[in-house]
């Protein structure tokens, strides 16, 4: 037994180590000038809506979109929108909508056990920020936090996502490197490429079964 073991170990020691695999080229192939268009095209192909606004005008643009959406759906009660009051964009939204009683803001400022019924049944939309976007695939990057929990982008029928144009990266790898993801990740890192969709055995797509039925992306481009 010892001779056989020795022979096996001798062969392993004599064997030449296998060459390391050739790693793929991770360099960015999408020029910065083309990223916004590529990002928008990919998202729209996945049934999301993408609009561009300035950092100061987006609350007014969102109000117009929600009013038009309510008119289309025959809603006489306006829209209820979940928002994060402790964030910069949450405060901007609250300040901009003080004269819009038909648009009711619902603060996400209580534990989920208290807000669960509201999230599921009593709001029409939720507004969140993002960590940026990926042009290659038309994908949003979200890092949920205590101020903007994951449920805000998961339960309401319409998810409104804000993304800075300067934070649209060519690839996921570029985003990870530029933002230094290796220094620490949240409990959940979300990659969203359109509204929720699923298919049955006949391959018929249905939207909104496991999440928002609609996704509105507002690109902030100063």
C-alpha atoms as a PDB file:
ATOM      1  CA  UNK A   1       0.000   0.000   0.000  1.00  0.00           C
ATOM      2  CA  UNK A   2       2.815   2.362   0.922  1.00  0.00           C
ATOM      3  CA  UNK A   3       4.606   1.675  -2.379  1.00  0.00           C
ATOM      4  CA  UNK A   4       1.458   2.461  -4.352  1.00  0.00           C
ATOM      5  CA  UNK A   5       0.938   5.657  -2.370  1.00  0.00           C
ATOM      6  CA  UNK A   6       4.534   6.682  -2.922  1.00  0.00           C
ATOM      7  CA  UNK A   7       4.268   6.016  -6.647  1.00  0.00           C
ATOM      8  CA  UNK A   8       1.117   8.173  -6.938  1.00  0.00           C
ATOM      9  CA  UNK A   9       2.722  11.036  -5.024  1.00  0.00           C
ATOM     10  CA  UNK A  10       5.883  10.809  -7.151  1.00  0.00           C
ATOM     11  CA  UNK A  11       3.814  11.055 -10.346  1.00  0.00           C
ATOM     12  CA  UNK A  12       1.935  14.065  -8.989  1.00  0.00           C
ATOM     13  CA  UNK A  13       5.152  15.827  -8.047  1.00  0.00           C
ATOM     14  CA  UNK A  14       6.676  15.120 -11.452  1.00  0.00           C
ATOM     15  CA  UNK A  15       3.661  16.295 -13.373  1.00  0.00           C
ATOM     16  CA  UNK A  16       3.934  19.743 -14.920  1.00  0.00           C
ATOM     17  CA  UNK A  17       1.389  22.224 -13.554  1.00  0.00           C
ATOM     18  CA  UNK A  18      -1.449  23.020 -15.909  1.00  0.00           C
ATOM     19  CA  UNK A  19      -1.214  26.471 -17.495  1.00  0.00           C
ATOM     20  CA  UNK A  20      -3.479  29.123 -16.069  1.00  0.00           C
ATOM     21  CA  UNK A  21      -6.602  29.779 -18.147  1.00  0.00           C
ATOM     22  CA  UNK A  22      -6.617  32.814 -20.378  1.00  0.00           C
ATOM     23  CA  UNK A  23      -8.818  35.401 -18.698  1.00  0.00           C
ATOM     24  CA  UNK A  24     -11.342  37.291 -20.808  1.00  0.00           C
ATOM     25  CA  UNK A  25     -10.691  40.882 -21.756  1.00  0.00           C
ATOM     26  CA  UNK A  26     -12.661  43.109 -19.374  1.00  0.00           C
ATOM     27  CA  UNK A  27     -11.896  46.397 -21.064  1.00  0.00           C
ATOM     28  CA  UNK A  28     -14.855  48.655 -21.771  1.00  0.00           C
ATOM     29  CA  UNK A  29     -15.991  48.418 -25.374  1.00  0.00           C
ATOM     30  CA  UNK A  30     -18.861  50.934 -25.294  1.00  0.00           C
ATOM     31  CA  UNK A  31     -17.690  54.536 -25.734  1.00  0.00           C
ATOM     32  CA  UNK A  32     -19.055  56.955 -23.113  1.00  0.00           C
ATOM     33  CA  UNK A  33     -20.905  58.966 -25.763  1.00  0.00           C
ATOM     34  CA  UNK A  34     -22.928  55.886 -26.761  1.00  0.00           C
ATOM     35  CA  UNK A  35     -23.812  54.555 -23.311  1.00  0.00           C
ATOM     36  CA  UNK A  36     -27.013  56.487 -22.650  1.00  0.00           C
ATOM     37  CA  UNK A  37     -28.531  55.472 -25.996  1.00  0.00           C
ATOM     38  CA  UNK A  38     -27.494  51.832 -25.574  1.00  0.00           C
ATOM     39  CA  UNK A  39     -28.789  51.798 -21.996  1.00  0.00           C
ATOM     40  CA  UNK A  40     -32.157  53.250 -23.053  1.00  0.00           C
ATOM     41  CA  UNK A  41     -32.550  50.942 -26.051  1.00  0.00           C
ATOM     42  CA  UNK A  42     -31.890  47.825 -24.001  1.00  0.00           C
ATOM     43  CA  UNK A  43     -34.301  48.834 -21.242  1.00  0.00           C
ATOM     44  CA  UNK A  44     -37.055  49.795 -23.667  1.00  0.00           C
ATOM     45  CA  UNK A  45     -36.636  46.458 -25.423  1.00  0.00           C
ATOM     46  CA  UNK A  46     -37.473  44.900 -22.037  1.00  0.00           C
ATOM     47  CA  UNK A  47     -40.727  46.939 -21.767  1.00  0.00           C
ATOM     48  CA  UNK A  48     -39.389  49.661 -19.486  1.00  0.00           C
ATOM     49  CA  UNK A  49     -39.947  53.360 -20.131  1.00  0.00           C
ATOM     50  CA  UNK A  50     -36.918  55.657 -20.134  1.00  0.00           C
ATOM     51  CA  UNK A  51     -37.074  59.453 -20.010  1.00  0.00           C
ATOM     52  CA  UNK A  52     -34.391  62.077 -19.495  1.00  0.00           C
ATOM     53  CA  UNK A  53     -34.670  65.056 -17.176  1.00  0.00           C
ATOM     54  CA  UNK A  54     -32.551  67.575 -15.346  1.00  0.00           C
ATOM     55  CA  UNK A  55     -31.887  67.111 -11.656  1.00  0.00           C
ATOM     56  CA  UNK A  56     -34.243  69.955 -10.759  1.00  0.00           C
ATOM     57  CA  UNK A  57     -37.132  69.138 -13.083  1.00  0.00           C
ATOM     58  CA  UNK A  58     -37.675  65.431 -12.530  1.00  0.00           C
ATOM     59  CA  UNK A  59     -40.379  65.772  -9.810  1.00  0.00           C
ATOM     60  CA  UNK A  60     -42.509  67.839 -12.211  1.00  0.00           C
ATOM     61  CA  UNK A  61     -41.912  65.364 -15.020  1.00  0.00           C
ATOM     62  CA  UNK A  62     -42.897  62.478 -12.752  1.00  0.00           C
ATOM     63  CA  UNK A  63     -46.086  64.320 -11.731  1.00  0.00           C
ATOM     64  CA  UNK A  64     -47.017  64.748 -15.386  1.00  0.00           C
ATOM     65  CA  UNK A  65     -46.401  61.066 -16.095  1.00  0.00           C
ATOM     66  CA  UNK A  66     -48.470  59.932 -13.135  1.00  0.00           C
ATOM     67  CA  UNK A  67     -51.350  62.228 -14.059  1.00  0.00           C
ATOM     68  CA  UNK A  68     -51.330  60.918 -17.630  1.00  0.00           C
ATOM     69  CA  UNK A  69     -51.162  57.360 -16.331  1.00  0.00           C
ATOM     70  CA  UNK A  70     -54.131  58.009 -14.031  1.00  0.00           C
ATOM     71  CA  UNK A  71     -56.183  59.483 -16.846  1.00  0.00           C
ATOM     72  CA  UNK A  72     -55.414  56.507 -19.062  1.00  0.00           C
ATOM     73  CA  UNK A  73     -56.457  54.059 -16.361  1.00  0.00           C
ATOM     74  CA  UNK A  74     -59.542  56.055 -15.370  1.00  0.00           C
ATOM     75  CA  UNK A  75     -58.389  56.804 -11.829  1.00  0.00           C
ATOM     76  CA  UNK A  76     -60.265  59.693 -10.231  1.00  0.00           C
ATOM     77  CA  UNK A  77     -58.352  59.583  -6.939  1.00  0.00           C
ATOM     78  CA  UNK A  78     -54.898  60.510  -8.213  1.00  0.00           C
ATOM     79  CA  UNK A  79     -51.790  58.525  -7.362  1.00  0.00           C
ATOM     80  CA  UNK A  80     -50.187  57.435  -4.098  1.00  0.00           C
ATOM     81  CA  UNK A  81     -46.402  57.284  -4.185  1.00  0.00           C
ATOM     82  CA  UNK A  82     -44.065  55.714  -1.651  1.00  0.00           C
ATOM     83  CA  UNK A  83     -40.926  57.768  -1.179  1.00  0.00           C
ATOM     84  CA  UNK A  84     -37.877  57.774   1.134  1.00  0.00           C
ATOM     85  CA  UNK A  85     -38.101  60.966   3.246  1.00  0.00           C
ATOM     86  CA  UNK A  86     -34.558  60.656   4.578  1.00  0.00           C
ATOM     87  CA  UNK A  87     -32.841  60.878   1.195  1.00  0.00           C
ATOM     88  CA  UNK A  88     -31.944  63.882  -0.948  1.00  0.00           C
ATOM     89  CA  UNK A  89     -34.293  62.891  -3.773  1.00  0.00           C
ATOM     90  CA  UNK A  90     -37.037  62.113  -1.280  1.00  0.00           C
ATOM     91  CA  UNK A  91     -36.809  65.622   0.141  1.00  0.00           C
ATOM     92  CA  UNK A  92     -36.757  67.106  -3.365  1.00  0.00           C
ATOM     93  CA  UNK A  93     -39.936  65.236  -4.228  1.00  0.00           C
ATOM     94  CA  UNK A  94     -41.721  66.307  -1.041  1.00  0.00           C
ATOM     95  CA  UNK A  95     -40.763  69.960  -1.570  1.00  0.00           C
ATOM     96  CA  UNK A  96     -41.831  69.934  -5.231  1.00  0.00           C
ATOM     97  CA  UNK A  97     -45.233  68.331  -4.618  1.00  0.00           C
ATOM     98  CA  UNK A  98     -46.534  70.570  -1.853  1.00  0.00           C
ATOM     99  CA  UNK A  99     -49.066  72.084  -4.292  1.00  0.00           C
ATOM    100  CA  UNK A 100     -50.194  68.783  -5.840  1.00  0.00           C
ATOM    101  CA  UNK A 101     -52.951  67.349  -3.630  1.00  0.00           C
ATOM    102  CA  UNK A 102     -53.882  64.817  -6.304  1.00  0.00           C
ATOM    103  CA  UNK A 103     -50.478  63.169  -5.815  1.00  0.00           C
ATOM    104  CA  UNK A 104     -50.272  61.698  -2.330  1.00  0.00           C
ATOM    105  CA  UNK A 105     -46.820  60.985  -0.921  1.00  0.00           C
ATOM    106  CA  UNK A 106     -46.527  58.092   1.518  1.00  0.00           C
ATOM    107  CA  UNK A 107     -43.301  58.105   3.522  1.00  0.00           C
ATOM    108  CA  UNK A 108     -41.388  54.867   4.037  1.00  0.00           C
ATOM    109  CA  UNK A 109     -40.518  55.710   7.627  1.00  0.00           C
ATOM    110  CA  UNK A 110     -41.912  52.789   9.628  1.00  0.00           C
ATOM    111  CA  UNK A 111     -41.073  49.085  10.012  1.00  0.00           C
ATOM    112  CA  UNK A 112     -42.216  46.781   7.224  1.00  0.00           C
ATOM    113  CA  UNK A 113     -44.669  45.088   9.569  1.00  0.00           C
ATOM    114  CA  UNK A 114     -46.537  48.393   9.795  1.00  0.00           C
ATOM    115  CA  UNK A 115     -46.220  49.338   6.130  1.00  0.00           C
ATOM    116  CA  UNK A 116     -46.816  45.934   4.546  1.00  0.00           C
ATOM    117  CA  UNK A 117     -50.505  46.482   3.801  1.00  0.00           C
ATOM    118  CA  UNK A 118     -49.739  49.931   2.381  1.00  0.00           C
ATOM    119  CA  UNK A 119     -46.982  48.588   0.138  1.00  0.00           C
ATOM    120  CA  UNK A 120     -49.155  45.797  -1.204  1.00  0.00           C
ATOM    121  CA  UNK A 121     -52.549  47.482  -1.512  1.00  0.00           C
ATOM    122  CA  UNK A 122     -52.417  51.242  -1.008  1.00  0.00           C
ATOM    123  CA  UNK A 123     -49.699  52.768  -3.172  1.00  0.00           C
ATOM    124  CA  UNK A 124     -49.507  53.037  -6.946  1.00  0.00           C
ATOM    125  CA  UNK A 125     -45.776  53.640  -7.252  1.00  0.00           C
ATOM    126  CA  UNK A 126     -42.491  53.910  -5.379  1.00  0.00           C
ATOM    127  CA  UNK A 127     -39.481  56.090  -6.123  1.00  0.00           C
ATOM    128  CA  UNK A 128     -35.919  54.920  -5.500  1.00  0.00           C
ATOM    129  CA  UNK A 129     -32.424  55.996  -6.392  1.00  0.00           C
ATOM    130  CA  UNK A 130     -29.907  53.680  -8.058  1.00  0.00           C
ATOM    131  CA  UNK A 131     -26.183  53.060  -7.959  1.00  0.00           C
ATOM    132  CA  UNK A 132     -26.050  53.537 -11.711  1.00  0.00           C
ATOM    133  CA  UNK A 133     -26.796  51.624 -14.884  1.00  0.00           C
ATOM    134  CA  UNK A 134     -25.144  49.182 -17.289  1.00  0.00           C
ATOM    135  CA  UNK A 135     -25.247  50.129 -20.967  1.00  0.00           C
ATOM    136  CA  UNK A 136     -24.310  46.691 -22.266  1.00  0.00           C
ATOM    137  CA  UNK A 137     -27.462  45.025 -20.925  1.00  0.00           C
ATOM    138  CA  UNK A 138     -29.795  47.928 -20.064  1.00  0.00           C
ATOM    139  CA  UNK A 139     -29.664  47.202 -16.353  1.00  0.00           C
ATOM    140  CA  UNK A 140     -30.189  49.244 -13.193  1.00  0.00           C
ATOM    141  CA  UNK A 141     -27.995  48.738 -10.130  1.00  0.00           C
ATOM    142  CA  UNK A 142     -29.742  49.068  -6.766  1.00  0.00           C
ATOM    143  CA  UNK A 143     -28.216  48.704  -3.329  1.00  0.00           C
ATOM    144  CA  UNK A 144     -31.148  48.599  -0.888  1.00  0.00           C
ATOM    145  CA  UNK A 145     -30.646  50.352   2.444  1.00  0.00           C
ATOM    146  CA  UNK A 146     -32.584  51.072   5.613  1.00  0.00           C
ATOM    147  CA  UNK A 147     -33.908  54.242   3.985  1.00  0.00           C
ATOM    148  CA  UNK A 148     -34.780  52.501   0.699  1.00  0.00           C
ATOM    149  CA  UNK A 149     -35.516  48.844   1.447  1.00  0.00           C
ATOM    150  CA  UNK A 150     -35.770  46.266  -1.299  1.00  0.00           C
ATOM    151  CA  UNK A 151     -39.566  46.131  -0.967  1.00  0.00           C
ATOM    152  CA  UNK A 152     -39.850  49.619  -2.437  1.00  0.00           C
ATOM    153  CA  UNK A 153     -38.703  48.283  -5.804  1.00  0.00           C
ATOM    154  CA  UNK A 154     -40.525  44.978  -5.445  1.00  0.00           C
ATOM    155  CA  UNK A 155     -44.133  45.471  -4.336  1.00  0.00           C
ATOM    156  CA  UNK A 156     -45.757  48.648  -5.796  1.00  0.00           C
ATOM    157  CA  UNK A 157     -47.194  48.280  -9.346  1.00  0.00           C
ATOM    158  CA  UNK A 158     -44.918  51.012 -10.725  1.00  0.00           C
ATOM    159  CA  UNK A 159     -41.239  51.351  -9.851  1.00  0.00           C
ATOM    160  CA  UNK A 160     -39.732  54.765 -10.606  1.00  0.00           C
ATOM    161  CA  UNK A 161     -35.931  54.596 -10.650  1.00  0.00           C
ATOM    162  CA  UNK A 162     -33.608  57.596 -10.781  1.00  0.00           C
ATOM    163  CA  UNK A 163     -30.220  57.135 -12.403  1.00  0.00           C
ATOM    164  CA  UNK A 164     -27.485  59.693 -12.973  1.00  0.00           C
ATOM    165  CA  UNK A 165     -26.340  59.819 -16.605  1.00  0.00           C
ATOM    166  CA  UNK A 166     -22.717  60.046 -15.440  1.00  0.00           C
ATOM    167  CA  UNK A 167     -23.190  56.744 -13.580  1.00  0.00           C
ATOM    168  CA  UNK A 168     -24.115  54.693 -16.638  1.00  0.00           C
ATOM    169  CA  UNK A 169     -21.206  52.300 -17.114  1.00  0.00           C
ATOM    170  CA  UNK A 170     -20.266  50.246 -20.118  1.00  0.00           C
ATOM    171  CA  UNK A 171     -20.346  46.871 -18.357  1.00  0.00           C
ATOM    172  CA  UNK A 172     -21.076  45.370 -14.963  1.00  0.00           C
ATOM    173  CA  UNK A 173     -17.367  44.753 -14.485  1.00  0.00           C
ATOM    174  CA  UNK A 174     -16.593  48.417 -15.028  1.00  0.00           C
ATOM    175  CA  UNK A 175     -19.247  49.427 -12.476  1.00  0.00           C
ATOM    176  CA  UNK A 176     -17.818  46.997  -9.931  1.00  0.00           C
ATOM    177  CA  UNK A 177     -14.293  48.304 -10.432  1.00  0.00           C
ATOM    178  CA  UNK A 178     -15.117  52.023 -10.490  1.00  0.00           C
ATOM    179  CA  UNK A 179     -17.393  51.767  -7.433  1.00  0.00           C
ATOM    180  CA  UNK A 180     -14.952  49.460  -5.608  1.00  0.00           C
ATOM    181  CA  UNK A 181     -17.482  46.738  -4.816  1.00  0.00           C
ATOM    182  CA  UNK A 182     -14.690  44.598  -3.366  1.00  0.00           C
ATOM    183  CA  UNK A 183     -14.571  46.963  -0.379  1.00  0.00           C
ATOM    184  CA  UNK A 184     -18.003  45.815   0.763  1.00  0.00           C
ATOM    185  CA  UNK A 185     -21.434  44.806  -0.515  1.00  0.00           C
ATOM    186  CA  UNK A 186     -24.929  45.262   0.928  1.00  0.00           C
ATOM    187  CA  UNK A 187     -27.115  42.355   1.980  1.00  0.00           C
ATOM    188  CA  UNK A 188     -28.868  42.604  -1.393  1.00  0.00           C
ATOM    189  CA  UNK A 189     -27.435  44.011  -4.614  1.00  0.00           C
ATOM    190  CA  UNK A 190     -30.185  44.193  -7.234  1.00  0.00           C
ATOM    191  CA  UNK A 191     -29.750  44.166 -11.016  1.00  0.00           C
ATOM    192  CA  UNK A 192     -33.017  45.194 -12.712  1.00  0.00           C
ATOM    193  CA  UNK A 193     -33.496  45.009 -16.482  1.00  0.00           C
ATOM    194  CA  UNK A 194     -37.192  45.813 -16.863  1.00  0.00           C
ATOM    195  CA  UNK A 195     -40.518  45.231 -15.120  1.00  0.00           C
ATOM    196  CA  UNK A 196     -41.293  41.920 -13.457  1.00  0.00           C
ATOM    197  CA  UNK A 197     -42.161  39.214 -15.966  1.00  0.00           C
ATOM    198  CA  UNK A 198     -42.722  35.494 -16.014  1.00  0.00           C
ATOM    199  CA  UNK A 199     -43.916  32.908 -18.528  1.00  0.00           C
ATOM    200  CA  UNK A 200     -46.165  29.885 -18.261  1.00  0.00           C
ATOM    201  CA  UNK A 201     -45.606  26.509 -19.858  1.00  0.00           C
ATOM    202  CA  UNK A 202     -46.899  27.897 -23.168  1.00  0.00           C
ATOM    203  CA  UNK A 203     -44.258  30.650 -23.020  1.00  0.00           C
ATOM    204  CA  UNK A 204     -46.847  33.413 -22.682  1.00  0.00           C
ATOM    205  CA  UNK A 205     -45.287  36.392 -20.907  1.00  0.00           C
ATOM    206  CA  UNK A 206     -47.128  37.986 -17.996  1.00  0.00           C
ATOM    207  CA  UNK A 207     -46.001  41.203 -16.324  1.00  0.00           C
ATOM    208  CA  UNK A 208     -46.259  42.118 -12.660  1.00  0.00           C
ATOM    209  CA  UNK A 209     -46.748  38.651 -11.201  1.00  0.00           C
ATOM    210  CA  UNK A 210     -43.671  38.738  -8.974  1.00  0.00           C
ATOM    211  CA  UNK A 211     -42.970  42.474  -8.825  1.00  0.00           C
ATOM    212  CA  UNK A 212     -43.737  45.815 -10.490  1.00  0.00           C
ATOM    213  CA  UNK A 213     -45.786  45.639 -13.650  1.00  0.00           C
ATOM    214  CA  UNK A 214     -44.187  48.841 -14.920  1.00  0.00           C
ATOM    215  CA  UNK A 215     -40.727  50.364 -14.687  1.00  0.00           C
ATOM    216  CA  UNK A 216     -40.118  54.065 -15.334  1.00  0.00           C
ATOM    217  CA  UNK A 217     -36.463  55.076 -15.455  1.00  0.00           C
ATOM    218  CA  UNK A 218     -35.676  58.771 -15.170  1.00  0.00           C
ATOM    219  CA  UNK A 219     -32.136  59.571 -16.315  1.00  0.00           C
ATOM    220  CA  UNK A 220     -30.825  62.703 -14.632  1.00  0.00           C
ATOM    221  CA  UNK A 221     -28.613  64.534 -17.079  1.00  0.00           C
ATOM    222  CA  UNK A 222     -27.542  68.025 -15.999  1.00  0.00           C
END
